[in-house]
């Protein structure tokens, strides 16, 4: 969807955001977006690493009831 934006499209979006939010509010919005994105990235990497760990662990063999008792 956003693959064909390019530099002119980004400039237009920045100008629209500047008009809508104003120059004082725009840095705060950018910081909030950056924090949210970094939290999302760390959470997804945590999920991926957990999934990788569970795949690396070999399955335990079934316990034979004859050997138990």
PDB file of N, CA and C in Angstrom:
ATOM      1  N   UNK A   1       0.821  -1.189   0.000  1.00  0.00           N
ATOM      2  CA  UNK A   1       0.000   0.000   0.000  1.00  0.00           C
ATOM      3  C   UNK A   1       0.864   1.251   0.000  1.00  0.00           C
ATOM      4  N   UNK A   2       1.874   1.298   0.875  1.00  0.00           N
ATOM      5  CA  UNK A   2       2.723   2.481   0.964  1.00  0.00           C
ATOM      6  C   UNK A   2       4.037   2.307   0.204  1.00  0.00           C
ATOM      7  N   UNK A   3       4.072   1.429  -0.740  1.00  0.00           N
ATOM      8  CA  UNK A   3       5.310   1.143  -1.436  1.00  0.00           C
ATOM      9  C   UNK A   3       5.665   2.215  -2.457  1.00  0.00           C
ATOM     10  N   UNK A   4       4.699   2.938  -2.974  1.00  0.00           N
ATOM     11  CA  UNK A   4       4.950   3.896  -4.042  1.00  0.00           C
ATOM     12  C   UNK A   4       4.754   5.337  -3.597  1.00  0.00           C
ATOM     13  N   UNK A   5       5.036   5.658  -2.340  1.00  0.00           N
ATOM     14  CA  UNK A   5       4.829   7.026  -1.868  1.00  0.00           C
ATOM     15  C   UNK A   5       5.915   7.940  -2.404  1.00  0.00           C
ATOM     16  N   UNK A   6       7.154   7.645  -2.143  1.00  0.00           N
ATOM     17  CA  UNK A   6       8.257   8.459  -2.621  1.00  0.00           C
ATOM     18  C   UNK A   6       8.445   9.728  -1.799  1.00  0.00           C
ATOM     19  N   UNK A   7       9.454  10.495  -2.153  1.00  0.00           N
ATOM     20  CA  UNK A   7       9.794  11.725  -1.439  1.00  0.00           C
ATOM     21  C   UNK A   7       8.705  12.797  -1.592  1.00  0.00           C
ATOM     22  N   UNK A   8       8.178  13.050  -2.794  1.00  0.00           N
ATOM     23  CA  UNK A   8       7.129  14.083  -2.899  1.00  0.00           C
ATOM     24  C   UNK A   8       5.891  13.763  -2.054  1.00  0.00           C
ATOM     25  N   UNK A   9       5.529  12.500  -1.992  1.00  0.00           N
ATOM     26  CA  UNK A   9       4.378  12.112  -1.177  1.00  0.00           C
ATOM     27  C   UNK A   9       4.631  12.334   0.302  1.00  0.00           C
ATOM     28  N   UNK A  10       5.858  12.034   0.756  1.00  0.00           N
ATOM     29  CA  UNK A  10       6.205  12.260   2.159  1.00  0.00           C
ATOM     30  C   UNK A  10       6.182  13.748   2.502  1.00  0.00           C
ATOM     31  N   UNK A  11       6.665  14.580   1.583  1.00  0.00           N
ATOM     32  CA  UNK A  11       6.658  16.035   1.810  1.00  0.00           C
ATOM     33  C   UNK A  11       5.229  16.548   1.911  1.00  0.00           C
ATOM     34  N   UNK A  12       4.353  16.072   1.042  1.00  0.00           N
ATOM     35  CA  UNK A  12       2.946  16.496   1.087  1.00  0.00           C
ATOM     36  C   UNK A  12       2.305  16.063   2.401  1.00  0.00           C
ATOM     37  N   UNK A  13       2.574  14.828   2.847  1.00  0.00           N
ATOM     38  CA  UNK A  13       2.005  14.365   4.115  1.00  0.00           C
ATOM     39  C   UNK A  13       2.535  15.178   5.280  1.00  0.00           C
ATOM     40  N   UNK A  14       3.812  15.544   5.254  1.00  0.00           N
ATOM     41  CA  UNK A  14       4.388  16.359   6.317  1.00  0.00           C
ATOM     42  C   UNK A  14       3.740  17.744   6.350  1.00  0.00           C
ATOM     43  N   UNK A  15       3.507  18.335   5.208  1.00  0.00           N
ATOM     44  CA  UNK A  15       2.860  19.658   5.149  1.00  0.00           C
ATOM     45  C   UNK A  15       1.434  19.569   5.671  1.00  0.00           C
ATOM     46  N   UNK A  16       0.716  18.527   5.298  1.00  0.00           N
ATOM     47  CA  UNK A  16      -0.663  18.358   5.783  1.00  0.00           C
ATOM     48  C   UNK A  16      -0.670  18.175   7.300  1.00  0.00           C
ATOM     49  N   UNK A  17       0.244  17.367   7.825  1.00  0.00           N
ATOM     50  CA  UNK A  17       0.329  17.166   9.275  1.00  0.00           C
ATOM     51  C   UNK A  17       0.686  18.467   9.975  1.00  0.00           C
ATOM     52  N   UNK A  18       1.561  19.256   9.379  1.00  0.00           N
ATOM     53  CA  UNK A  18       1.945  20.536   9.962  1.00  0.00           C
ATOM     54  C   UNK A  18       0.766  21.484  10.015  1.00  0.00           C
ATOM     55  N   UNK A  19      -0.049  21.500   8.980  1.00  0.00           N
ATOM     56  CA  UNK A  19      -1.230  22.374   8.952  1.00  0.00           C
ATOM     57  C   UNK A  19      -2.261  21.906   9.969  1.00  0.00           C
ATOM     58  N   UNK A  20      -2.469  20.592  10.061  1.00  0.00           N
ATOM     59  CA  UNK A  20      -3.492  20.065  10.962  1.00  0.00           C
ATOM     60  C   UNK A  20      -3.087  20.212  12.427  1.00  0.00           C
ATOM     61  N   UNK A  21      -1.871  19.808  12.779  1.00  0.00           N
ATOM     62  CA  UNK A  21      -1.463  19.765  14.177  1.00  0.00           C
ATOM     63  C   UNK A  21      -0.693  20.989  14.639  1.00  0.00           C
ATOM     64  N   UNK A  22      -0.061  21.703  13.750  1.00  0.00           N
ATOM     65  CA  UNK A  22       0.704  22.883  14.137  1.00  0.00           C
ATOM     66  C   UNK A  22       2.141  22.529  14.485  1.00  0.00           C
ATOM     67  N   UNK A  23       3.018  23.545  14.463  1.00  0.00           N
ATOM     68  CA  UNK A  23       4.440  23.286  14.692  1.00  0.00           C
ATOM     69  C   UNK A  23       4.787  22.902  16.125  1.00  0.00           C
ATOM     70  N   UNK A  24       3.950  23.258  17.094  1.00  0.00           N
ATOM     71  CA  UNK A  24       4.262  22.931  18.490  1.00  0.00           C
ATOM     72  C   UNK A  24       3.883  21.493  18.834  1.00  0.00           C
ATOM     73  N   UNK A  25       2.843  21.006  18.225  1.00  0.00           N
ATOM     74  CA  UNK A  25       2.339  19.676  18.559  1.00  0.00           C
ATOM     75  C   UNK A  25       3.018  18.564  17.742  1.00  0.00           C
ATOM     76  N   UNK A  26       3.551  18.899  16.581  1.00  0.00           N
ATOM     77  CA  UNK A  26       4.112  17.891  15.685  1.00  0.00           C
ATOM     78  C   UNK A  26       5.285  17.110  16.287  1.00  0.00           C
ATOM     79  N   UNK A  27       6.250  17.754  16.996  1.00  0.00           N
ATOM     80  CA  UNK A  27       7.330  16.961  17.610  1.00  0.00           C
ATOM     81  C   UNK A  27       6.840  15.987  18.676  1.00  0.00           C
ATOM     82  N   UNK A  28       5.818  16.386  19.436  1.00  0.00           N
ATOM     83  CA  UNK A  28       5.255  15.494  20.454  1.00  0.00           C
ATOM     84  C   UNK A  28       4.615  14.273  19.801  1.00  0.00           C
ATOM     85  N   UNK A  29       3.920  14.488  18.714  1.00  0.00           N
ATOM     86  CA  UNK A  29       3.281  13.384  18.004  1.00  0.00           C
ATOM     87  C   UNK A  29       4.340  12.455  17.423  1.00  0.00           C
ATOM     88  N   UNK A  30       5.413  13.022  16.886  1.00  0.00           N
ATOM     89  CA  UNK A  30       6.500  12.218  16.343  1.00  0.00           C
ATOM     90  C   UNK A  30       7.167  11.367  17.413  1.00  0.00           C
ATOM     91  N   UNK A  31       7.387  11.950  18.593  1.00  0.00           N
ATOM     92  CA  UNK A  31       7.994  11.186  19.690  1.00  0.00           C
ATOM     93  C   UNK A  31       7.081  10.050  20.132  1.00  0.00           C
ATOM     94  N   UNK A  32       5.792  10.347  20.260  1.00  0.00           N
ATOM     95  CA  UNK A  32       4.838   9.315  20.671  1.00  0.00           C
ATOM     96  C   UNK A  32       4.784   8.190  19.644  1.00  0.00           C
ATOM     97  N   UNK A  33       4.807   8.548  18.372  1.00  0.00           N
ATOM     98  CA  UNK A  33       4.798   7.529  17.317  1.00  0.00           C
ATOM     99  C   UNK A  33       6.072   6.690  17.375  1.00  0.00           C
ATOM    100  N   UNK A  34       7.195   7.326  17.606  1.00  0.00           N
ATOM    101  CA  UNK A  34       8.468   6.603  17.698  1.00  0.00           C
ATOM    102  C   UNK A  34       8.505   5.647  18.872  1.00  0.00           C
ATOM    103  N   UNK A  35       8.003   6.085  20.026  1.00  0.00           N
ATOM    104  CA  UNK A  35       7.957   5.202  21.197  1.00  0.00           C
ATOM    105  C   UNK A  35       7.047   4.012  20.952  1.00  0.00           C
ATOM    106  N   UNK A  36       5.884   4.290  20.369  1.00  0.00           N
ATOM    107  CA  UNK A  36       4.934   3.223  20.091  1.00  0.00           C
ATOM    108  C   UNK A  36       5.529   2.210  19.123  1.00  0.00           C
ATOM    109  N   UNK A  37       6.187   2.711  18.087  1.00  0.00           N
ATOM    110  CA  UNK A  37       6.792   1.822  17.103  1.00  0.00           C
ATOM    111  C   UNK A  37       7.904   0.981  17.727  1.00  0.00           C
ATOM    112  N   UNK A  38       8.720   1.591  18.589  1.00  0.00           N
ATOM    113  CA  UNK A  38       9.808   0.825  19.208  1.00  0.00           C
ATOM    114  C   UNK A  38       9.263  -0.226  20.176  1.00  0.00           C
ATOM    115  N   UNK A  39       8.197   0.091  20.917  1.00  0.00           N
ATOM    116  CA  UNK A  39       7.577  -0.899  21.797  1.00  0.00           C
ATOM    117  C   UNK A  39       6.996  -2.057  20.996  1.00  0.00           C
ATOM    118  N   UNK A  40       6.356  -1.722  19.889  1.00  0.00           N
ATOM    119  CA  UNK A  40       5.776  -2.755  19.031  1.00  0.00           C
ATOM    120  C   UNK A  40       6.876  -3.651  18.470  1.00  0.00           C
ATOM    121  N   UNK A  41       7.973  -3.040  18.050  1.00  0.00           N
ATOM    122  CA  UNK A  41       9.088  -3.799  17.482  1.00  0.00           C
ATOM    123  C   UNK A  41       9.712  -4.730  18.521  1.00  0.00           C
ATOM    124  N   UNK A  42       9.897  -4.235  19.751  1.00  0.00           N
ATOM    125  CA  UNK A  42      10.482  -5.083  20.787  1.00  0.00           C
ATOM    126  C   UNK A  42       9.529  -6.210  21.180  1.00  0.00           C
ATOM    127  N   UNK A  43       8.234  -5.930  21.200  1.00  0.00           N
ATOM    128  CA  UNK A  43       7.266  -6.972  21.541  1.00  0.00           C
ATOM    129  C   UNK A  43       7.228  -8.060  20.471  1.00  0.00           C
ATOM    130  N   UNK A  44       7.252  -7.665  19.206  1.00  0.00           N
ATOM    131  CA  UNK A  44       7.217  -8.671  18.149  1.00  0.00           C
ATOM    132  C   UNK A  44       8.515  -9.466  18.112  1.00  0.00           C
ATOM    133  N   UNK A  45       9.648  -8.821  18.370  1.00  0.00           N
ATOM    134  CA  UNK A  45      10.902  -9.581  18.385  1.00  0.00           C
ATOM    135  C   UNK A  45      10.928 -10.540  19.572  1.00  0.00           C
ATOM    136  N   UNK A  46      10.305 -10.165  20.678  1.00  0.00           N
ATOM    137  CA  UNK A  46      10.199 -11.067  21.821  1.00  0.00           C
ATOM    138  C   UNK A  46       9.344 -12.277  21.499  1.00  0.00           C
ATOM    139  N   UNK A  47       8.252 -12.058  20.789  1.00  0.00           N
ATOM    140  CA  UNK A  47       7.398 -13.178  20.398  1.00  0.00           C
ATOM    141  C   UNK A  47       8.122 -14.100  19.428  1.00  0.00           C
ATOM    142  N   UNK A  48       8.858 -13.509  18.501  1.00  0.00           N
ATOM    143  CA  UNK A  48       9.583 -14.317  17.522  1.00  0.00           C
ATOM    144  C   UNK A  48      10.669 -15.136  18.211  1.00  0.00           C
ATOM    145  N   UNK A  49      11.390 -14.521  19.158  1.00  0.00           N
ATOM    146  CA  UNK A  49      12.447 -15.261  19.841  1.00  0.00           C
ATOM    147  C   UNK A  49      11.861 -16.371  20.713  1.00  0.00           C
ATOM    148  N   UNK A  50      10.695 -16.131  21.329  1.00  0.00           N
ATOM    149  CA  UNK A  50      10.041 -17.184  22.102  1.00  0.00           C
ATOM    150  C   UNK A  50       9.633 -18.347  21.202  1.00  0.00           C
ATOM    151  N   UNK A  51       9.120 -18.030  20.022  1.00  0.00           N
ATOM    152  CA  UNK A  51       8.711 -19.077  19.090  1.00  0.00           C
ATOM    153  C   UNK A  51       9.925 -19.860  18.608  1.00  0.00           C
ATOM    154  N   UNK A  52      11.032 -19.170  18.362  1.00  0.00           N
ATOM    155  CA  UNK A  52      12.248 -19.857  17.931  1.00  0.00           C
ATOM    156  C   UNK A  52      12.770 -20.791  19.019  1.00  0.00           C
ATOM    157  N   UNK A  53      12.701 -20.353  20.265  1.00  0.00           N
ATOM    158  CA  UNK A  53      13.168 -21.192  21.365  1.00  0.00           C
ATOM    159  C   UNK A  53      12.321 -22.443  21.493  1.00  0.00           C
ATOM    160  N   UNK A  54      11.012 -22.295  21.317  1.00  0.00           N
ATOM    161  CA  UNK A  54      10.147 -23.464  21.449  1.00  0.00           C
ATOM    162  C   UNK A  54      10.349 -24.435  20.288  1.00  0.00           C
ATOM    163  N   UNK A  55      10.720 -23.925  19.114  1.00  0.00           N
ATOM    164  CA  UNK A  55      10.979 -24.816  17.989  1.00  0.00           C
ATOM    165  C   UNK A  55      12.314 -25.541  18.140  1.00  0.00           C
ATOM    166  N   UNK A  56      13.281 -24.917  18.786  1.00  0.00           N
ATOM    167  CA  UNK A  56      14.598 -25.520  18.947  1.00  0.00           C
ATOM    168  C   UNK A  56      14.583 -26.658  19.959  1.00  0.00           C
ATOM    169  N   UNK A  57      13.697 -26.606  20.932  1.00  0.00           N
ATOM    170  CA  UNK A  57      13.653 -27.628  21.969  1.00  0.00           C
ATOM    171  C   UNK A  57      13.114 -28.929  21.373  1.00  0.00           C
ATOM    172  N   UNK A  58      13.872 -30.018  21.485  1.00  0.00           N
ATOM    173  CA  UNK A  58      13.381 -31.276  20.932  1.00  0.00           C
ATOM    174  C   UNK A  58      12.205 -31.798  21.759  1.00  0.00           C
ATOM    175  N   UNK A  59      11.261 -32.441  21.125  1.00  0.00           N
ATOM    176  CA  UNK A  59      10.116 -32.964  21.883  1.00  0.00           C
ATOM    177  C   UNK A  59      10.560 -34.078  22.811  1.00  0.00           C
ATOM    178  N   UNK A  60       9.942 -34.113  23.969  1.00  0.00           N
ATOM    179  CA  UNK A  60      10.286 -35.153  24.943  1.00  0.00           C
ATOM    180  C   UNK A  60       9.661 -36.473  24.503  1.00  0.00           C
ATOM    181  N   UNK A  61      10.396 -37.552  24.657  1.00  0.00           N
ATOM    182  CA  UNK A  61       9.830 -38.854  24.278  1.00  0.00           C
ATOM    183  C   UNK A  61       8.714 -39.225  25.246  1.00  0.00           C
ATOM    184  N   UNK A  62       7.729 -39.963  24.771  1.00  0.00           N
ATOM    185  CA  UNK A  62       6.640 -40.388  25.665  1.00  0.00           C
ATOM    186  C   UNK A  62       7.165 -41.334  26.727  1.00  0.00           C
ATOM    187  N   UNK A  63       6.589 -41.236  27.897  1.00  0.00           N
ATOM    188  CA  UNK A  63       6.999 -42.078  29.018  1.00  0.00           C
ATOM    189  C   UNK A  63       6.320 -43.422  28.873  1.00  0.00           C
ATOM    190  N   UNK A  64       7.130 -44.462  28.886  1.00  0.00           N
ATOM    191  CA  UNK A  64       6.598 -45.820  28.782  1.00  0.00           C
ATOM    192  C   UNK A  64       6.110 -46.247  30.161  1.00  0.00           C
ATOM    193  N   UNK A  65       4.868 -46.681  30.249  1.00  0.00           N
ATOM    194  CA  UNK A  65       4.294 -47.022  31.546  1.00  0.00           C
ATOM    195  C   UNK A  65       4.961 -48.258  32.164  1.00  0.00           C
ATOM    196  N   UNK A  66       5.549 -49.107  31.339  1.00  0.00           N
ATOM    197  CA  UNK A  66       6.212 -50.295  31.878  1.00  0.00           C
ATOM    198  C   UNK A  66       7.484 -49.909  32.623  1.00  0.00           C
ATOM    199  N   UNK A  67       8.172 -48.878  32.139  1.00  0.00           N
ATOM    200  CA  UNK A  67       9.402 -48.452  32.794  1.00  0.00           C
ATOM    201  C   UNK A  67       9.111 -47.646  34.060  1.00  0.00           C
ATOM    202  N   UNK A  68       7.919 -47.096  34.160  1.00  0.00           N
ATOM    203  CA  UNK A  68       7.542 -46.289  35.318  1.00  0.00           C
ATOM    204  C   UNK A  68       7.489 -47.110  36.606  1.00  0.00           C
ATOM    205  N   UNK A  69       6.885 -48.201  36.555  1.00  0.00           N
ATOM    206  CA  UNK A  69       6.584 -48.883  37.782  1.00  0.00           C
ATOM    207  C   UNK A  69       7.227 -50.158  37.954  1.00  0.00           C
TER     208      UNK A  69
END
